[in-house]
Amino acid sequence: MYRLMYISNATVRFSDEELEELLALARENNSKKEVTGLLILKGRTFLQCLEGPKEEVIELFEKIQKDSRHDSLVELIDEDIESRYFPNWSMGYKNINHIDSVSSEKLKNFSLKENINSFDINEISEIFKDFIEVESNVNN
């Protein structure tokens, strides 16, 4: 099992409808490949965790790297894992522009250009772990 986390900027701002379409497609494709994870969005900045079979996660990440809708993509963590953070999400989604209950102040204020260098590996993992408790409240 393998986990990869990255941050990127969208080259355009996605409408709610475009995001729903993107998530529906990701969830369908990820289910087939046994990939799970969480996408966190703030404005045009994406923070994503992908988990699953190493070959599938790497293949998906390579596809994301080539996607012209992403800019300034930075791989934050890649690691072999014993268990997933998000075993039940084909792709969970949180838009933190609309969440006041996020416990991480860094997450509340993150943006690719301003704060990426202020995160260490443990903090990045903790950001995603903040959402594990509310996993059952997200639609797959």
N, C-alpha and C. Protein backbone atom coordinates (compact mmCIF):
# COMPACT_ATOMS: atom_id res chain seq x y z
N MET A 1 0.85 -1.17 0.00
CA MET A 1 0.00 0.00 0.00
C MET A 1 0.90 1.23 0.00
N TYR A 2 0.40 2.33 -0.58
CA TYR A 2 1.23 3.50 -0.82
C TYR A 2 0.39 4.77 -0.63
N ARG A 3 1.02 5.83 -0.14
CA ARG A 3 0.35 7.12 0.04
C ARG A 3 1.20 8.21 -0.61
N LEU A 4 0.53 9.12 -1.29
CA LEU A 4 1.18 10.27 -1.90
C LEU A 4 0.33 11.50 -1.62
N MET A 5 1.00 12.58 -1.21
CA MET A 5 0.31 13.84 -0.95
C MET A 5 0.98 14.92 -1.78
N TYR A 6 0.17 15.81 -2.34
CA TYR A 6 0.72 16.91 -3.13
C TYR A 6 -0.12 18.16 -2.94
N ILE A 7 0.44 19.27 -3.36
CA ILE A 7 -0.26 20.55 -3.38
C ILE A 7 -0.06 21.15 -4.76
N SER A 8 -1.08 21.84 -5.27
CA SER A 8 -0.97 22.49 -6.57
C SER A 8 -1.95 23.64 -6.63
N ASN A 9 -1.77 24.48 -7.64
CA ASN A 9 -2.73 25.54 -7.93
C ASN A 9 -3.47 25.15 -9.20
N ALA A 10 -4.76 25.43 -9.22
CA ALA A 10 -5.54 25.26 -10.44
C ALA A 10 -5.24 26.46 -11.34
N THR A 11 -5.13 26.22 -12.61
CA THR A 11 -4.87 27.32 -13.54
C THR A 11 -6.11 28.18 -13.75
N VAL A 12 -7.27 27.63 -13.44
CA VAL A 12 -8.54 28.38 -13.51
C VAL A 12 -9.35 28.03 -12.26
N ARG A 13 -10.26 28.91 -11.91
CA ARG A 13 -11.15 28.62 -10.78
C ARG A 13 -12.28 27.72 -11.28
N PHE A 14 -12.47 26.58 -10.62
CA PHE A 14 -13.52 25.64 -10.99
C PHE A 14 -14.86 26.12 -10.44
N SER A 15 -15.89 26.01 -11.25
CA SER A 15 -17.24 26.27 -10.75
C SER A 15 -17.65 25.07 -9.89
N ASP A 16 -18.69 25.25 -9.09
CA ASP A 16 -19.19 24.14 -8.27
C ASP A 16 -19.59 22.96 -9.15
N GLU A 17 -20.20 23.24 -10.28
CA GLU A 17 -20.62 22.18 -11.20
C GLU A 17 -19.42 21.44 -11.78
N GLU A 18 -18.38 22.17 -12.16
CA GLU A 18 -17.17 21.54 -12.70
C GLU A 18 -16.49 20.68 -11.65
N LEU A 19 -16.46 21.15 -10.41
CA LEU A 19 -15.88 20.35 -9.33
C LEU A 19 -16.67 19.08 -9.08
N GLU A 20 -17.99 19.18 -9.11
CA GLU A 20 -18.83 17.99 -8.92
C GLU A 20 -18.58 16.97 -10.03
N GLU A 21 -18.44 17.43 -11.26
CA GLU A 21 -18.15 16.53 -12.38
C GLU A 21 -16.79 15.88 -12.21
N LEU A 22 -15.79 16.68 -11.83
CA LEU A 22 -14.44 16.17 -11.61
C LEU A 22 -14.43 15.13 -10.50
N LEU A 23 -15.12 15.40 -9.41
CA LEU A 23 -15.17 14.47 -8.28
C LEU A 23 -15.91 13.18 -8.66
N ALA A 24 -17.00 13.30 -9.40
CA ALA A 24 -17.75 12.10 -9.80
C ALA A 24 -16.88 11.20 -10.66
N LEU A 25 -16.14 11.79 -11.59
CA LEU A 25 -15.25 11.00 -12.46
C LEU A 25 -14.11 10.38 -11.64
N ALA A 26 -13.52 11.17 -10.74
CA ALA A 26 -12.43 10.65 -9.91
C ALA A 26 -12.91 9.50 -9.04
N ARG A 27 -14.08 9.65 -8.45
CA ARG A 27 -14.61 8.60 -7.58
C ARG A 27 -14.86 7.32 -8.36
N GLU A 28 -15.40 7.44 -9.55
CA GLU A 28 -15.66 6.26 -10.39
C GLU A 28 -14.35 5.58 -10.76
N ASN A 29 -13.38 6.35 -11.25
CA ASN A 29 -12.09 5.78 -11.68
C ASN A 29 -11.31 5.22 -10.49
N ASN A 30 -11.31 5.95 -9.37
CA ASN A 30 -10.56 5.49 -8.20
C ASN A 30 -11.13 4.20 -7.64
N SER A 31 -12.44 4.07 -7.65
CA SER A 31 -13.06 2.83 -7.16
C SER A 31 -12.57 1.62 -7.93
N LYS A 32 -12.47 1.76 -9.24
CA LYS A 32 -12.00 0.66 -10.09
C LYS A 32 -10.56 0.29 -9.80
N LYS A 33 -9.75 1.27 -9.38
CA LYS A 33 -8.32 1.04 -9.17
C LYS A 33 -7.95 0.89 -7.70
N GLU A 34 -8.97 0.85 -6.82
CA GLU A 34 -8.77 0.71 -5.38
C GLU A 34 -7.94 1.85 -4.80
N VAL A 35 -8.12 3.05 -5.35
CA VAL A 35 -7.46 4.26 -4.85
C VAL A 35 -8.46 5.02 -4.00
N THR A 36 -8.00 5.48 -2.84
CA THR A 36 -8.83 6.28 -1.94
C THR A 36 -8.08 7.57 -1.64
N GLY A 37 -8.78 8.50 -0.98
CA GLY A 37 -8.09 9.72 -0.60
C GLY A 37 -9.01 10.86 -0.27
N LEU A 38 -8.40 12.04 -0.21
CA LEU A 38 -9.12 13.26 0.14
C LEU A 38 -8.54 14.41 -0.65
N LEU A 39 -9.42 15.23 -1.18
CA LEU A 39 -9.05 16.47 -1.88
C LEU A 39 -9.53 17.63 -1.03
N ILE A 40 -8.60 18.50 -0.66
CA ILE A 40 -8.92 19.72 0.09
C ILE A 40 -8.71 20.88 -0.86
N LEU A 41 -9.69 21.78 -0.92
CA LEU A 41 -9.62 22.91 -1.82
C LEU A 41 -9.79 24.20 -1.04
N LYS A 42 -8.95 25.17 -1.34
CA LYS A 42 -9.13 26.53 -0.83
C LYS A 42 -8.84 27.47 -1.99
N GLY A 43 -9.89 28.11 -2.48
CA GLY A 43 -9.72 28.97 -3.65
C GLY A 43 -9.29 28.14 -4.83
N ARG A 44 -8.10 28.42 -5.35
CA ARG A 44 -7.56 27.64 -6.47
C ARG A 44 -6.45 26.69 -6.03
N THR A 45 -6.25 26.56 -4.73
CA THR A 45 -5.17 25.69 -4.22
C THR A 45 -5.75 24.34 -3.82
N PHE A 46 -5.12 23.28 -4.35
CA PHE A 46 -5.51 21.91 -4.06
C PHE A 46 -4.47 21.27 -3.16
N LEU A 47 -4.93 20.56 -2.16
CA LEU A 47 -4.08 19.71 -1.32
C LEU A 47 -4.73 18.34 -1.36
N GLN A 48 -4.00 17.33 -1.83
CA GLN A 48 -4.62 16.03 -2.04
C GLN A 48 -3.77 14.91 -1.48
N CYS A 49 -4.47 13.92 -0.92
CA CYS A 49 -3.87 12.68 -0.44
C CYS A 49 -4.44 11.55 -1.28
N LEU A 50 -3.58 10.74 -1.87
CA LEU A 50 -3.98 9.56 -2.65
C LEU A 50 -3.38 8.34 -1.99
N GLU A 51 -4.18 7.27 -1.86
CA GLU A 51 -3.72 6.03 -1.23
C GLU A 51 -4.19 4.84 -2.04
N GLY A 52 -3.38 3.80 -2.06
CA GLY A 52 -3.77 2.58 -2.75
C GLY A 52 -2.57 1.81 -3.23
N PRO A 53 -2.81 0.90 -4.19
CA PRO A 53 -1.68 0.15 -4.76
C PRO A 53 -0.68 1.14 -5.38
N LYS A 54 0.59 0.93 -5.09
CA LYS A 54 1.62 1.89 -5.48
C LYS A 54 1.57 2.22 -6.97
N GLU A 55 1.45 1.20 -7.81
CA GLU A 55 1.45 1.43 -9.26
C GLU A 55 0.28 2.32 -9.68
N GLU A 56 -0.88 2.11 -9.06
CA GLU A 56 -2.07 2.88 -9.40
C GLU A 56 -1.95 4.33 -8.94
N VAL A 57 -1.43 4.53 -7.74
CA VAL A 57 -1.27 5.89 -7.21
C VAL A 57 -0.25 6.66 -8.03
N ILE A 58 0.88 6.04 -8.35
CA ILE A 58 1.90 6.70 -9.16
C ILE A 58 1.37 7.03 -10.55
N GLU A 59 0.64 6.10 -11.16
CA GLU A 59 0.05 6.34 -12.48
C GLU A 59 -0.92 7.53 -12.43
N LEU A 60 -1.75 7.58 -11.40
CA LEU A 60 -2.70 8.68 -11.25
C LEU A 60 -1.96 10.00 -11.04
N PHE A 61 -0.93 10.00 -10.21
CA PHE A 61 -0.18 11.22 -9.96
C PHE A 61 0.52 11.70 -11.23
N GLU A 62 1.05 10.80 -12.02
CA GLU A 62 1.68 11.20 -13.29
C GLU A 62 0.66 11.84 -14.22
N LYS A 63 -0.55 11.32 -14.21
CA LYS A 63 -1.63 11.91 -15.01
C LYS A 63 -1.96 13.33 -14.52
N ILE A 64 -2.01 13.50 -13.20
CA ILE A 64 -2.28 14.82 -12.62
C ILE A 64 -1.16 15.80 -12.98
N GLN A 65 0.09 15.32 -12.94
CA GLN A 65 1.22 16.19 -13.28
C GLN A 65 1.13 16.71 -14.71
N LYS A 66 0.57 15.92 -15.61
CA LYS A 66 0.45 16.31 -17.02
C LYS A 66 -0.80 17.13 -17.31
N ASP A 67 -1.70 17.21 -16.33
CA ASP A 67 -2.98 17.90 -16.51
C ASP A 67 -2.74 19.41 -16.54
N SER A 68 -3.13 20.06 -17.64
CA SER A 68 -2.89 21.50 -17.80
C SER A 68 -3.72 22.35 -16.84
N ARG A 69 -4.65 21.74 -16.12
CA ARG A 69 -5.43 22.49 -15.14
C ARG A 69 -4.67 22.68 -13.83
N HIS A 70 -3.48 22.03 -13.69
CA HIS A 70 -2.65 22.17 -12.50
C HIS A 70 -1.41 22.99 -12.83
N ASP A 71 -0.99 23.79 -11.85
CA ASP A 71 0.21 24.60 -11.98
C ASP A 71 0.93 24.53 -10.63
N SER A 72 2.22 24.70 -10.65
CA SER A 72 3.01 24.75 -9.40
C SER A 72 2.79 23.53 -8.54
N LEU A 73 2.74 22.36 -9.14
CA LEU A 73 2.50 21.12 -8.41
C LEU A 73 3.75 20.72 -7.63
N VAL A 74 3.56 20.43 -6.34
CA VAL A 74 4.67 20.03 -5.48
C VAL A 74 4.29 18.75 -4.76
N GLU A 75 5.10 17.72 -4.95
CA GLU A 75 4.90 16.47 -4.20
C GLU A 75 5.41 16.69 -2.79
N LEU A 76 4.54 16.42 -1.81
CA LEU A 76 4.88 16.67 -0.42
C LEU A 76 5.35 15.43 0.32
N ILE A 77 4.64 14.33 0.14
CA ILE A 77 4.93 13.08 0.84
C ILE A 77 4.67 11.91 -0.11
N ASP A 78 5.58 10.98 -0.13
CA ASP A 78 5.30 9.68 -0.75
C ASP A 78 5.89 8.64 0.18
N GLU A 79 5.05 7.64 0.52
CA GLU A 79 5.48 6.67 1.51
C GLU A 79 4.73 5.36 1.36
N ASP A 80 5.42 4.29 1.70
CA ASP A 80 4.75 3.00 1.82
C ASP A 80 4.00 3.01 3.14
N ILE A 81 2.81 2.42 3.16
CA ILE A 81 1.97 2.48 4.35
C ILE A 81 1.41 1.10 4.69
N GLU A 82 1.07 0.93 5.95
CA GLU A 82 0.42 -0.29 6.43
C GLU A 82 -1.09 -0.19 6.26
N SER A 83 -1.64 1.01 6.50
CA SER A 83 -3.09 1.19 6.39
C SER A 83 -3.39 2.59 5.85
N ARG A 84 -4.60 2.74 5.34
CA ARG A 84 -5.02 3.98 4.73
C ARG A 84 -5.60 4.94 5.78
N TYR A 85 -5.47 6.23 5.51
CA TYR A 85 -6.19 7.23 6.31
C TYR A 85 -7.67 7.21 5.95
N PHE A 86 -7.97 7.00 4.67
CA PHE A 86 -9.34 7.13 4.16
C PHE A 86 -9.78 5.87 3.42
N PRO A 87 -9.94 4.76 4.14
CA PRO A 87 -10.26 3.50 3.47
C PRO A 87 -11.63 3.47 2.79
N ASN A 88 -12.53 4.34 3.20
CA ASN A 88 -13.89 4.29 2.68
C ASN A 88 -14.22 5.39 1.67
N TRP A 89 -13.26 6.22 1.35
CA TRP A 89 -13.50 7.31 0.40
C TRP A 89 -12.82 7.04 -0.92
N SER A 90 -13.58 6.88 -2.00
CA SER A 90 -12.94 6.81 -3.31
C SER A 90 -12.33 8.17 -3.62
N MET A 91 -12.93 9.24 -3.12
CA MET A 91 -12.32 10.56 -3.10
C MET A 91 -13.17 11.48 -2.25
N GLY A 92 -12.74 11.68 -1.01
CA GLY A 92 -13.41 12.63 -0.15
C GLY A 92 -13.10 14.04 -0.62
N TYR A 93 -13.90 15.00 -0.21
CA TYR A 93 -13.72 16.37 -0.67
C TYR A 93 -14.10 17.34 0.44
N LYS A 94 -13.24 18.32 0.66
CA LYS A 94 -13.53 19.39 1.60
C LYS A 94 -13.12 20.71 0.97
N ASN A 95 -14.05 21.65 0.93
CA ASN A 95 -13.76 23.01 0.51
C ASN A 95 -13.61 23.82 1.79
N ILE A 96 -12.39 24.20 2.12
CA ILE A 96 -12.18 24.86 3.41
C ILE A 96 -12.49 26.34 3.37
N ASN A 97 -12.91 26.86 2.22
CA ASN A 97 -13.41 28.23 2.21
C ASN A 97 -14.70 28.33 3.01
N HIS A 98 -15.36 27.18 3.20
CA HIS A 98 -16.66 27.16 3.85
C HIS A 98 -16.66 26.41 5.17
N ILE A 99 -15.49 26.13 5.74
CA ILE A 99 -15.42 25.36 6.98
C ILE A 99 -14.80 26.22 8.08
N ASP A 100 -15.53 26.40 9.15
CA ASP A 100 -15.02 27.15 10.29
C ASP A 100 -14.46 26.23 11.37
N SER A 101 -14.77 24.94 11.28
CA SER A 101 -14.40 24.02 12.36
C SER A 101 -13.08 23.29 12.10
N VAL A 102 -12.30 23.73 11.11
CA VAL A 102 -11.00 23.12 10.86
C VAL A 102 -10.09 23.45 12.04
N SER A 103 -9.45 22.44 12.62
CA SER A 103 -8.67 22.66 13.83
C SER A 103 -7.28 23.23 13.54
N SER A 104 -6.75 23.01 12.36
CA SER A 104 -5.40 23.46 12.04
C SER A 104 -5.43 24.91 11.54
N GLU A 105 -4.78 25.80 12.27
CA GLU A 105 -4.70 27.20 11.84
C GLU A 105 -3.91 27.29 10.53
N LYS A 106 -2.86 26.47 10.39
CA LYS A 106 -2.10 26.50 9.15
C LYS A 106 -2.98 26.10 7.97
N LEU A 107 -3.83 25.10 8.18
CA LEU A 107 -4.72 24.68 7.11
C LEU A 107 -5.71 25.77 6.77
N LYS A 108 -6.25 26.43 7.76
CA LYS A 108 -7.21 27.51 7.50
C LYS A 108 -6.60 28.58 6.61
N ASN A 109 -5.31 28.80 6.76
CA ASN A 109 -4.64 29.90 6.07
C ASN A 109 -3.72 29.47 4.93
N PHE A 110 -3.73 28.18 4.59
CA PHE A 110 -2.74 27.73 3.62
C PHE A 110 -2.99 28.26 2.22
N SER A 111 -1.91 28.49 1.53
CA SER A 111 -1.93 28.73 0.09
C SER A 111 -0.57 28.26 -0.41
N LEU A 112 -0.51 27.88 -1.63
CA LEU A 112 0.72 27.29 -2.17
C LEU A 112 1.90 28.24 -2.04
N LYS A 113 1.74 29.47 -2.42
CA LYS A 113 2.87 30.39 -2.47
C LYS A 113 3.28 30.89 -1.09
N GLU A 114 2.32 31.05 -0.19
CA GLU A 114 2.65 31.67 1.09
C GLU A 114 3.16 30.68 2.13
N ASN A 115 2.58 29.49 2.22
CA ASN A 115 2.85 28.65 3.38
C ASN A 115 3.47 27.29 3.10
N ILE A 116 3.67 26.92 1.87
CA ILE A 116 4.11 25.57 1.58
C ILE A 116 5.42 25.24 2.28
N ASN A 117 6.32 26.18 2.39
CA ASN A 117 7.60 25.90 3.02
C ASN A 117 7.52 25.89 4.54
N SER A 118 6.38 26.31 5.10
CA SER A 118 6.24 26.32 6.55
C SER A 118 5.68 25.00 7.10
N PHE A 119 5.27 24.08 6.23
CA PHE A 119 4.76 22.79 6.66
C PHE A 119 5.90 21.78 6.74
N ASP A 120 5.92 20.97 7.80
CA ASP A 120 6.83 19.84 7.79
C ASP A 120 6.00 18.58 7.52
N ILE A 121 6.65 17.47 7.32
CA ILE A 121 5.97 16.23 6.93
C ILE A 121 4.91 15.84 7.94
N ASN A 122 5.22 15.94 9.21
CA ASN A 122 4.24 15.56 10.23
C ASN A 122 3.01 16.46 10.20
N GLU A 123 3.21 17.76 9.97
CA GLU A 123 2.08 18.68 9.90
C GLU A 123 1.19 18.38 8.70
N ILE A 124 1.80 18.02 7.59
CA ILE A 124 1.01 17.69 6.40
C ILE A 124 0.13 16.48 6.68
N SER A 125 0.69 15.46 7.28
CA SER A 125 -0.11 14.28 7.64
C SER A 125 -1.20 14.66 8.64
N GLU A 126 -0.88 15.52 9.60
CA GLU A 126 -1.87 15.92 10.59
C GLU A 126 -3.03 16.67 9.96
N ILE A 127 -2.77 17.45 8.93
CA ILE A 127 -3.85 18.16 8.24
C ILE A 127 -4.86 17.15 7.71
N PHE A 128 -4.39 16.11 7.07
CA PHE A 128 -5.31 15.10 6.54
C PHE A 128 -5.99 14.33 7.67
N LYS A 129 -5.25 14.03 8.73
CA LYS A 129 -5.83 13.29 9.85
C LYS A 129 -6.95 14.08 10.52
N ASP A 130 -6.91 15.42 10.43
CA ASP A 130 -8.01 16.23 10.98
C ASP A 130 -9.35 15.83 10.40
N PHE A 131 -9.35 15.30 9.18
CA PHE A 131 -10.59 14.99 8.51
C PHE A 131 -11.03 13.54 8.70
N ILE A 132 -10.20 12.71 9.29
CA ILE A 132 -10.55 11.30 9.48
C ILE A 132 -11.77 11.17 10.37
N GLU A 133 -11.87 12.00 11.41
CA GLU A 133 -12.98 11.93 12.36
C GLU A 133 -14.32 12.18 11.68
N VAL A 134 -14.33 12.98 10.64
CA VAL A 134 -15.60 13.33 9.99
C VAL A 134 -15.81 12.54 8.70
N GLU A 135 -15.03 11.49 8.51
CA GLU A 135 -15.08 10.70 7.29
C GLU A 135 -16.48 10.21 6.97
N SER A 136 -17.21 9.79 7.94
CA SER A 136 -18.54 9.23 7.68
C SER A 136 -19.54 10.29 7.24
N ASN A 137 -19.21 11.56 7.36
CA ASN A 137 -20.12 12.62 6.96
C ASN A 137 -19.93 13.07 5.52
N VAL A 138 -18.98 12.48 4.80
CA VAL A 138 -18.71 12.88 3.43
C VAL A 138 -19.30 11.85 2.48
N ASN A 139 -19.92 12.33 1.43
CA ASN A 139 -20.46 11.41 0.41
C ASN A 139 -19.32 10.84 -0.40
N ASN A 140 -19.38 9.56 -0.71
CA ASN A 140 -18.38 8.93 -1.59
C ASN A 140 -18.75 9.17 -3.03
